[in-house]
Protein backbone atom coordinates (compact mmCIF):
# COMPACT_ATOMS: atom_id res chain seq x y z
CA UNK A 1 -65.44 -120.60 131.01
CA UNK A 2 -64.96 -117.19 129.42
CA UNK A 3 -64.71 -118.76 125.97
CA UNK A 4 -68.05 -120.59 126.49
CA UNK A 5 -69.71 -117.34 127.54
CA UNK A 6 -68.35 -115.59 124.43
CA UNK A 7 -69.74 -118.44 122.27
CA UNK A 8 -73.15 -118.09 123.85
CA UNK A 9 -73.09 -114.33 123.30
CA UNK A 10 -72.06 -114.85 119.66
CA UNK A 11 -74.85 -117.38 119.05
CA UNK A 12 -77.38 -114.99 120.64
CA UNK A 13 -76.23 -112.18 118.34
CA UNK A 14 -76.56 -114.42 115.31
CA UNK A 15 -80.05 -115.49 116.31
CA UNK A 16 -81.06 -111.85 116.79
CA UNK A 17 -79.71 -111.05 113.36
CA UNK A 18 -81.74 -113.93 111.94
CA UNK A 19 -84.91 -112.55 113.50
CA UNK A 20 -84.09 -109.09 112.22
CA UNK A 21 -83.54 -110.36 108.71
CA UNK A 22 -86.79 -112.27 108.79
CA UNK A 23 -88.81 -109.12 109.60
CA UNK A 24 -86.84 -106.74 107.38
CA UNK A 25 -85.49 -104.82 110.37
CA UNK A 26 -81.98 -104.88 108.99
CA UNK A 27 -81.42 -103.90 105.36
CA UNK A 28 -78.47 -104.86 103.20
CA UNK A 29 -77.09 -107.39 105.74
CA UNK A 30 -76.63 -110.00 103.05
CA UNK A 31 -73.66 -108.13 101.72
CA UNK A 32 -72.46 -106.76 105.02
CA UNK A 33 -70.67 -109.92 106.15
CA UNK A 34 -68.41 -111.49 103.53
CA UNK A 35 -67.86 -115.29 103.54
CA UNK A 36 -68.74 -118.62 101.99
CA UNK A 37 -71.43 -121.20 102.82
CA UNK A 38 -71.12 -123.62 105.77
CA UNK A 39 -69.13 -126.81 105.18
CA UNK A 40 -69.84 -129.85 107.35
CA UNK A 41 -67.73 -132.87 108.27
CA UNK A 42 -68.30 -135.93 110.44
CA UNK A 43 -65.49 -136.02 113.01
CA UNK A 44 -66.49 -139.04 115.13
CA UNK A 45 -68.65 -142.13 114.66
CA UNK A 46 -69.44 -144.60 117.44
CA UNK A 47 -69.65 -147.53 117.83
CA UNK A 48 -67.03 -148.76 115.40
CA UNK A 49 -68.71 -152.06 114.42
CA UNK A 50 -72.35 -153.06 114.00
CA UNK A 51 -73.95 -156.49 113.74
CA UNK A 52 -76.69 -157.67 111.38
CA UNK A 53 -80.25 -158.06 112.68
CA UNK A 54 -79.64 -155.70 115.58
CA UNK A 55 -80.86 -152.29 116.69
CA UNK A 56 -78.18 -149.90 117.89
CA UNK A 57 -77.60 -146.21 118.61
CA UNK A 58 -75.43 -144.41 116.07
CA UNK A 59 -73.59 -141.49 117.60
CA UNK A 60 -72.18 -138.80 115.28
CA UNK A 61 -70.28 -135.57 115.79
CA UNK A 62 -70.94 -132.98 113.07
CA UNK A 63 -68.58 -130.00 112.71
CA UNK A 64 -68.86 -126.83 110.60
CA UNK A 65 -65.40 -126.11 109.25
CA UNK A 66 -66.34 -123.16 106.98
CA UNK A 67 -66.07 -119.49 108.01
CA UNK A 68 -69.81 -119.03 107.48
CA UNK A 69 -72.56 -120.20 109.79
CA UNK A 70 -75.67 -122.24 109.10
CA UNK A 71 -79.18 -121.53 110.34
CA UNK A 72 -82.43 -123.46 110.26
CA UNK A 73 -80.31 -126.61 110.08
CA UNK A 74 -82.11 -129.91 109.43
CA UNK A 75 -80.46 -133.37 109.37
CA UNK A 76 -82.01 -136.38 107.68
CA UNK A 77 -80.37 -139.82 107.99
CA UNK A 78 -80.81 -142.10 104.95
CA UNK A 79 -83.62 -140.06 103.38
CA UNK A 80 -84.06 -142.58 100.58
CA UNK A 81 -84.37 -145.58 102.94
CA UNK A 82 -81.51 -147.33 101.17
CA UNK A 83 -80.91 -150.82 102.66
CA UNK A 84 -79.51 -152.43 104.70
CA UNK A 85 -79.35 -149.73 107.40
CA UNK A 86 -82.42 -147.71 108.38
CA UNK A 87 -83.29 -145.20 111.08
CA UNK A 88 -85.78 -146.75 113.46
CA UNK A 89 -87.92 -143.61 113.29
CA UNK A 90 -89.13 -144.44 109.78
CA UNK A 91 -92.64 -145.77 110.54
CA UNK A 92 -93.32 -147.20 107.13
CA UNK A 93 -90.34 -149.50 107.56
CA UNK A 94 -90.81 -150.60 111.14
CA UNK A 95 -94.38 -149.90 112.14
CA UNK A 96 -95.31 -152.09 115.08
CA UNK A 97 -91.83 -153.54 115.38
CA UNK A 98 -90.04 -150.62 116.93
CA UNK A 99 -92.10 -148.25 119.07
CA UNK A 100 -89.23 -146.14 120.34
CA UNK A 101 -86.51 -144.12 118.71
CA UNK A 102 -85.89 -140.64 117.49
CA UNK A 103 -87.14 -139.52 114.12
CA UNK A 104 -84.64 -139.61 111.32
CA UNK A 105 -84.90 -135.81 111.04
CA UNK A 106 -83.32 -133.61 113.69
CA UNK A 107 -83.48 -129.82 113.73
CA UNK A 108 -80.98 -127.31 115.04
CA UNK A 109 -80.77 -123.58 115.09
CA UNK A 110 -77.52 -121.97 114.16
CA UNK A 111 -74.25 -123.85 113.80
CA UNK A 112 -71.33 -121.48 113.97
CA UNK A 113 -67.86 -121.80 112.49
CA UNK A 114 -65.88 -124.68 114.11
CA UNK A 115 -68.89 -125.60 116.22
CA UNK A 116 -69.61 -129.27 116.82
CA UNK A 117 -73.02 -130.85 117.14
CA UNK A 118 -73.59 -134.31 118.64
CA UNK A 119 -76.32 -136.36 117.00
CA UNK A 120 -77.72 -139.76 117.92
CA UNK A 121 -79.89 -142.01 115.79
CA UNK A 122 -81.38 -145.34 116.63
CA UNK A 123 -80.79 -147.55 113.60
CA UNK A 124 -81.61 -151.09 112.55
CA UNK A 125 -79.41 -153.36 110.40
CA UNK A 126 -81.15 -155.89 108.18
CA UNK A 127 -80.90 -159.57 108.96
CA UNK A 128 -78.54 -161.40 106.64
CA UNK A 129 -76.41 -158.33 105.90
CA UNK A 130 -73.00 -159.48 104.67
CA UNK A 131 -69.76 -158.32 106.22
CA UNK A 132 -68.45 -155.10 104.77
CA UNK A 133 -68.45 -151.32 104.87
CA UNK A 134 -71.79 -149.67 104.05
CA UNK A 135 -72.29 -145.97 103.32
CA UNK A 136 -75.33 -144.32 104.86
CA UNK A 137 -76.18 -140.83 103.56
CA UNK A 138 -76.73 -137.96 105.98
CA UNK A 139 -78.57 -135.09 104.27
CA UNK A 140 -77.92 -131.66 105.82
CA UNK A 141 -80.23 -128.82 104.83
CA UNK A 142 -79.79 -125.26 106.08
CA UNK A 143 -79.97 -121.58 105.15
CA UNK A 144 -77.02 -119.28 104.83
CA UNK A 145 -76.78 -115.73 106.11
CA UNK A 146 -78.74 -114.53 103.10
CA UNK A 147 -81.49 -117.07 103.90
CA UNK A 148 -80.69 -118.99 100.76
CA UNK A 149 -81.36 -122.76 101.11
CA UNK A 150 -78.28 -124.94 101.08
CA UNK A 151 -77.75 -128.69 101.35
CA UNK A 152 -74.90 -131.16 101.70
CA UNK A 153 -74.84 -134.95 101.77
CA UNK A 154 -72.20 -136.81 103.80
CA UNK A 155 -71.83 -140.55 103.35
CA UNK A 156 -71.13 -142.17 106.70
CA UNK A 157 -69.06 -145.36 106.48
CA UNK A 158 -70.38 -148.02 108.86
CA UNK A 159 -68.62 -151.37 109.31
CA UNK A 160 -70.96 -154.38 109.53
CA UNK A 161 -69.48 -157.59 110.84
CA UNK A 162 -71.73 -160.51 111.62
CA UNK A 163 -71.26 -163.47 113.88
CA UNK A 164 -70.16 -166.94 112.76
CA UNK A 165 -72.36 -169.78 113.90
CA UNK A 166 -71.17 -173.20 112.78
CA UNK A 167 -73.31 -176.22 113.53
CA UNK A 168 -73.81 -179.83 112.45
CA UNK A 169 -76.90 -180.37 110.34
CA UNK A 170 -76.50 -184.06 109.45
CA UNK A 171 -74.25 -187.11 109.99
CA UNK A 172 -74.24 -190.11 107.66
CA UNK A 173 -72.11 -193.26 107.49
CA UNK A 174 -71.31 -195.76 104.75
CA UNK A 175 -72.32 -198.46 105.49
CA UNK A 176 -75.42 -197.12 107.20
CA UNK A 177 -75.02 -199.61 110.06
CA UNK A 178 -71.47 -199.85 111.32
CA UNK A 179 -70.19 -202.59 113.59
CA UNK A 180 -67.01 -203.52 115.37
CA UNK A 181 -64.35 -204.78 113.01
CA UNK A 182 -65.50 -202.65 110.08
CA UNK A 183 -62.73 -200.90 108.15
CA UNK A 184 -62.71 -197.83 105.93
CA UNK A 185 -66.05 -196.62 107.26
CA UNK A 186 -67.02 -193.29 105.68
CA UNK A 187 -68.35 -190.67 108.08
CA UNK A 188 -69.87 -187.64 106.33
CA UNK A 189 -70.59 -184.58 108.48
CA UNK A 190 -72.61 -181.67 107.05
CA UNK A 191 -71.61 -178.34 108.58
CA UNK A 192 -73.93 -175.34 108.23
CA UNK A 193 -73.05 -171.69 108.77
CA UNK A 194 -76.18 -170.08 110.20
CA UNK A 195 -74.34 -166.86 111.05
CA UNK A 196 -74.13 -163.64 109.06
CA UNK A 197 -70.38 -163.74 108.39
CA UNK A 198 -68.45 -166.00 106.04
CA UNK A 199 -66.03 -168.62 107.36
CA UNK A 200 -62.58 -168.77 105.78
CA UNK A 201 -59.96 -171.53 105.76
CA UNK A 202 -62.26 -173.97 107.53
CA UNK A 203 -60.39 -177.11 108.60
CA UNK A 204 -62.03 -180.02 110.40
CA UNK A 205 -60.43 -182.88 112.32
CA UNK A 206 -61.99 -185.86 114.06
CA UNK A 207 -60.25 -186.32 117.41
CA UNK A 208 -60.27 -190.12 117.31
CA UNK A 209 -59.55 -192.47 120.15
CA UNK A 210 -60.30 -196.14 120.80
CA UNK A 211 -62.11 -197.93 119.31
CA UNK A 212 -61.63 -195.66 116.25
CA UNK A 213 -58.47 -195.13 114.22
CA UNK A 214 -57.84 -193.41 110.86
CA UNK A 215 -58.18 -195.76 107.90
CA UNK A 216 -55.17 -194.11 106.26
CA UNK A 217 -52.94 -191.12 106.78
CA UNK A 218 -54.98 -187.92 106.85
CA UNK A 219 -58.34 -189.68 106.70
CA UNK A 220 -59.34 -187.97 109.96
CA UNK A 221 -58.91 -184.45 108.47
CA UNK A 222 -61.08 -182.57 105.95
CA UNK A 223 -60.51 -179.05 104.55
CA UNK A 224 -63.62 -177.13 103.50
CA UNK A 225 -62.16 -173.70 102.73
CA UNK A 226 -64.74 -170.88 102.64
CA UNK A 227 -68.28 -171.36 103.93
CA UNK A 228 -70.69 -168.55 103.16
CA UNK A 229 -73.61 -167.62 105.45
CA UNK A 230 -76.59 -169.98 105.15
CA UNK A 231 -74.53 -172.52 103.24
CA UNK A 232 -73.58 -176.14 103.93
CA UNK A 233 -70.23 -177.88 103.55
CA UNK A 234 -69.56 -181.62 103.75
CA UNK A 235 -66.57 -183.04 105.63
CA UNK A 236 -65.78 -186.70 104.85
CA UNK A 237 -63.65 -188.97 107.02
CA UNK A 238 -62.63 -192.64 106.88
CA UNK A 239 -62.11 -194.67 110.05
CA UNK A 240 -61.48 -198.24 111.17
CA UNK A 241 -63.33 -199.72 114.14
CA UNK A 242 -61.69 -202.09 116.57
CA UNK A 243 -63.12 -205.60 116.32
CA UNK A 244 -63.62 -205.62 120.10
CA UNK A 245 -65.55 -202.33 120.14
CA UNK A 246 -68.52 -202.33 122.49
CA UNK A 247 -71.90 -201.81 120.87
CA UNK A 248 -73.03 -198.31 121.91
CA UNK A 249 -73.15 -194.67 120.82
CA UNK A 250 -69.76 -192.97 120.93
CA UNK A 251 -69.22 -189.22 121.17
CA UNK A 252 -66.27 -188.13 119.03
CA UNK A 253 -65.10 -184.48 119.21
CA UNK A 254 -64.88 -182.64 115.88
CA UNK A 255 -62.33 -179.81 115.96
CA UNK A 256 -63.09 -176.77 113.80
CA UNK A 257 -60.40 -174.19 113.02
CA UNK A 258 -61.24 -171.18 110.83
CA UNK A 259 -60.86 -167.45 110.23
CA UNK A 260 -63.47 -164.70 110.14
CA UNK A 261 -63.62 -161.91 107.57
CA UNK A 262 -61.21 -159.83 109.64
CA UNK A 263 -58.57 -162.58 109.62
CA UNK A 264 -58.98 -163.56 113.27
CA UNK A 265 -58.39 -167.25 114.06
CA UNK A 266 -60.82 -169.41 116.01
CA UNK A 267 -60.88 -173.01 117.25
CA UNK A 268 -64.07 -174.68 118.42
CA UNK A 269 -65.31 -178.21 119.00
CA UNK A 270 -68.55 -179.92 118.07
CA UNK A 271 -69.58 -183.47 118.96
CA UNK A 272 -70.23 -186.21 116.42
CA UNK A 273 -72.38 -189.12 117.61
CA UNK A 274 -71.41 -192.50 116.11
CA UNK A 275 -73.55 -195.56 116.77
CA UNK A 276 -71.75 -198.91 116.69
CA UNK A 277 -74.32 -201.64 116.26
CA UNK A 278 -73.98 -205.01 118.08
CA UNK A 279 -72.46 -208.02 116.32
CA UNK A 280 -71.47 -211.58 117.25
CA UNK A 281 -67.93 -212.24 118.39
CA UNK A 282 -66.28 -215.47 119.52
CA UNK A 283 -63.57 -216.29 122.01
CA UNK A 284 -61.83 -219.63 122.29
CA UNK A 285 -62.91 -221.42 125.48
CA UNK A 286 -60.96 -224.67 125.18
CA UNK A 287 -59.57 -227.29 122.84
CA UNK A 288 -58.78 -230.96 123.43
CA UNK A 289 -57.45 -233.87 121.41
CA UNK A 290 -58.59 -237.46 121.39
CA UNK A 291 -56.43 -239.27 122.26
CA UNK A 292 -54.88 -236.81 124.67
CA UNK A 293 -51.38 -237.80 123.55
CA UNK A 294 -50.70 -236.98 119.91
CA UNK A 295 -47.91 -239.04 118.37
CA UNK A 296 -46.44 -239.34 114.87
CA UNK A 297 -48.59 -241.54 112.69
CA UNK A 298 -51.59 -241.19 115.00
CA UNK A 299 -55.18 -240.35 114.12
CA UNK A 300 -56.50 -237.36 116.08
CA UNK A 301 -59.91 -235.77 116.70
CA UNK A 302 -59.64 -232.12 117.77
CA UNK A 303 -62.59 -230.63 119.66
CA UNK A 304 -62.90 -226.83 119.80
CA UNK A 305 -65.25 -224.97 122.14
CA UNK A 306 -66.03 -221.26 121.57
CA UNK A 307 -68.11 -218.65 123.40
CA UNK A 308 -70.16 -215.85 121.78
CA UNK A 309 -69.03 -212.79 123.76
CA UNK A 310 -70.62 -210.32 121.30
CA UNK A 311 -73.91 -208.51 121.60
CA UNK A 312 -75.81 -210.35 118.89
CA UNK A 313 -76.84 -213.87 117.94
CA UNK A 314 -74.56 -215.68 115.47
CA UNK A 315 -76.15 -217.85 112.81
CA UNK A 316 -74.70 -220.59 110.58
CA UNK A 317 -71.42 -220.57 112.46
CA UNK A 318 -68.75 -223.04 111.46
CA UNK A 319 -65.04 -223.62 112.11
CA UNK A 320 -62.64 -224.35 109.28
CA UNK A 321 -58.96 -225.28 109.14
CA UNK A 322 -56.53 -222.85 107.57
CA UNK A 323 -54.11 -225.33 105.99
CA UNK A 324 -50.42 -224.79 106.69
CA UNK A 325 -48.39 -227.08 104.43
CA UNK A 326 -45.38 -226.84 106.70
CA UNK A 327 -47.34 -228.62 109.44
CA UNK A 328 -47.35 -232.45 109.53
CA UNK A 329 -51.15 -232.85 109.52
CA UNK A 330 -53.38 -234.44 106.92
CA UNK A 331 -57.04 -233.46 107.49
CA UNK A 332 -59.81 -235.87 106.69
CA UNK A 333 -62.47 -233.56 108.24
CA UNK A 334 -61.50 -229.95 107.67
CA UNK A 335 -64.50 -228.12 109.12
CA UNK A 336 -67.10 -228.45 111.83
CA UNK A 337 -70.57 -226.91 112.03
CA UNK A 338 -71.38 -224.92 115.19
CA UNK A 339 -74.82 -223.58 114.25
CA UNK A 340 -76.66 -220.77 116.03
CA UNK A 341 -75.06 -219.33 119.14
CA UNK A 342 -76.75 -216.62 121.20
CA UNK A 343 -74.79 -214.02 123.18
CA UNK A 344 -73.22 -215.64 126.22
CA UNK A 345 -73.71 -219.18 124.91
CA UNK A 346 -71.07 -221.72 123.89
CA UNK A 347 -70.75 -223.88 120.83
CA UNK A 348 -68.34 -226.55 119.69
CA UNK A 349 -67.11 -228.33 116.59
CA UNK A 350 -64.64 -231.11 115.78
CA UNK A 351 -62.09 -231.75 113.03
CA UNK A 352 -60.07 -234.89 112.30
CA UNK A 353 -56.53 -235.34 111.04
CA UNK A 354 -53.63 -237.78 110.84
CA UNK A 355 -50.17 -236.90 112.07
CA UNK A 356 -47.34 -237.60 109.70
CA UNK A 357 -45.13 -240.52 110.79
CA UNK A 358 -42.01 -238.40 110.53
CA UNK A 359 -43.49 -235.46 112.46
CA UNK A 360 -41.07 -233.81 114.83
CA UNK A 361 -42.12 -233.78 118.46
CA UNK A 362 -42.97 -230.13 119.21
CA UNK A 363 -45.80 -227.65 119.82
CA UNK A 364 -47.79 -226.59 116.76
CA UNK A 365 -50.26 -223.68 116.43
CA UNK A 366 -53.22 -224.74 114.34
CA UNK A 367 -54.99 -221.82 112.61
CA UNK A 368 -58.77 -221.97 112.44
CA UNK A 369 -61.28 -219.65 110.76
CA UNK A 370 -64.69 -218.92 112.26
CA UNK A 371 -67.32 -217.91 109.74
CA UNK A 372 -70.86 -216.87 110.63
CA UNK A 373 -73.64 -214.40 109.87
CA UNK A 374 -75.39 -211.88 112.09
CA UNK A 375 -78.89 -212.01 113.47
CA UNK A 376 -81.20 -212.10 110.45
CA UNK A 377 -84.16 -211.23 112.65
CA UNK A 378 -82.70 -207.75 113.23
CA UNK A 379 -81.62 -207.32 109.62
CA UNK A 380 -77.96 -208.13 110.14
CA UNK A 381 -77.13 -210.30 107.15
CA UNK A 382 -73.43 -209.51 107.24
CA UNK A 383 -70.96 -212.37 106.96
CA UNK A 384 -68.29 -212.22 109.65
CA UNK A 385 -64.97 -214.03 109.82
CA UNK A 386 -62.36 -214.18 112.51
CA UNK A 387 -59.31 -216.30 113.17
CA UNK A 388 -58.30 -218.25 116.25
CA UNK A 389 -55.37 -220.58 116.94
CA UNK A 390 -55.29 -223.74 119.04
CA UNK A 391 -52.22 -225.61 120.29
CA UNK A 392 -51.43 -229.15 119.17
CA UNK A 393 -48.48 -230.86 120.84
CA UNK A 394 -46.89 -233.87 119.15
CA UNK A 395 -45.13 -236.18 121.55
CA UNK A 396 -42.19 -238.50 120.65
CA UNK A 397 -43.44 -241.87 121.90
CA UNK A 398 -43.35 -243.51 118.47
CA UNK A 399 -39.73 -242.57 118.01
CA UNK A 400 -38.89 -243.91 121.44
CA UNK A 401 -40.52 -247.25 120.64
CA UNK A 402 -38.45 -247.38 117.44
CA UNK A 403 -35.27 -246.74 119.41
CA UNK A 404 -36.16 -249.46 121.89
CA UNK A 405 -36.46 -251.97 119.05
CA UNK A 406 -33.06 -250.92 117.76
CA UNK A 407 -31.59 -251.30 121.21
CA UNK A 408 -33.23 -254.72 121.57
CA UNK A 409 -31.80 -255.79 118.21
CA UNK A 410 -28.30 -254.70 119.20
CA UNK A 411 -28.60 -256.58 122.47
CA UNK A 412 -29.82 -259.63 120.60
CA UNK A 413 -26.86 -259.49 118.24
CA UNK A 414 -24.48 -259.18 121.16
CA UNK A 415 -26.10 -262.15 122.92
CA UNK A 416 -25.93 -264.19 119.72
CA UNK A 417 -22.25 -263.38 119.20
CA UNK A 418 -21.51 -264.29 122.81
CA UNK A 419 -23.30 -267.59 122.38
CA UNK A 420 -21.38 -268.42 119.18
CA UNK A 421 -18.12 -267.51 120.84
CA UNK A 422 -18.91 -269.71 123.82
CA UNK A 423 -19.81 -272.67 121.62
CA UNK A 424 -16.59 -272.37 119.61
CA UNK A 425 -14.56 -272.21 122.73
CA UNK A 426 -16.27 -275.30 124.11
CA UNK A 427 -15.72 -277.26 120.95
CA UNK A 428 -12.02 -276.34 120.89
CA UNK A 429 -11.51 -277.63 124.37
CA UNK A 430 -13.10 -280.87 123.40
């Protein structure tokens, strides 16, 4: 308390001396007090970090570290209006936009040795200012004890660090219309940084789940590196789509991991919308042979019935045999035309073959290929193929009949031998 009172008394004395000097009441005072000019330093600056396109209050603490005092002190922040940081009180820069704020010039009386002065300025940082340290000049003008004008410029280092704002600007696929069963589909995602700070080490990953899987190892990851403010980067992925995928729009999370200019790590997620268009798809309903019992050497007609369980009409559908040379079938009619089948409807076709005479009695799996196009009325001219298998069981009746003939022949031989033996015996007795 006593020290504060002494400081007030000292400042009062100095001010009285200033008045006296101004009116010539004291002569020769300029040489009466030895010393050098005032020397100013900035001891504190708050806040520590500023953001682009914002208005903030800059708080400074100014200290006179010289043995001499300063009088008629005037402070001017950024007198040359050097971008990107301006005092709000400069009307020609912000007329009509900012109606409040202190002027960029502040006046003080005397600043004694080791005395601190707190100053506040409302400042505005330009939009789009890049991350970095910017130096804002503070011009200090004053008079020394001899009333000689003095000035000093202190460059105040202010750290500007903008926000990162990553968003999705566009999503494209190749082919443009993707459907269930498609493989190696390219998904290109354009990422835009609308923030003020650059993005470093940007890594993207599609968090895939059914009905999507990576087409190959690493095809669900894309590394973009550095993305500057107001710039766009493209992330490309390749995926396969399950052939039973439902036709609808799927939401797939896109994981973004990156660093800001300060080296801090961040992980965020964005959503990628993927539309899977409808397509035809067939399930096997039933198959039957005519005759019902298939035997070696027999002629067989195989009827196949299928159901369109997809979401689109199938056109020009047909069923074809996939020939397996290890199977004992010789096809005289290898394909059957099904035609147009709407969703939920059934269609059927027939093929014809002959069973080899030496065919083993067993169950065979006959491979069939379904080939059809999409609904041309909706622009789906894709050609689709899928494979189904149907069972064909070869019975052994023909072999059994052959064995029965052999058995009958043996019995006949035995009967004949018995008859010859009996006749010889009868003749001998005679």
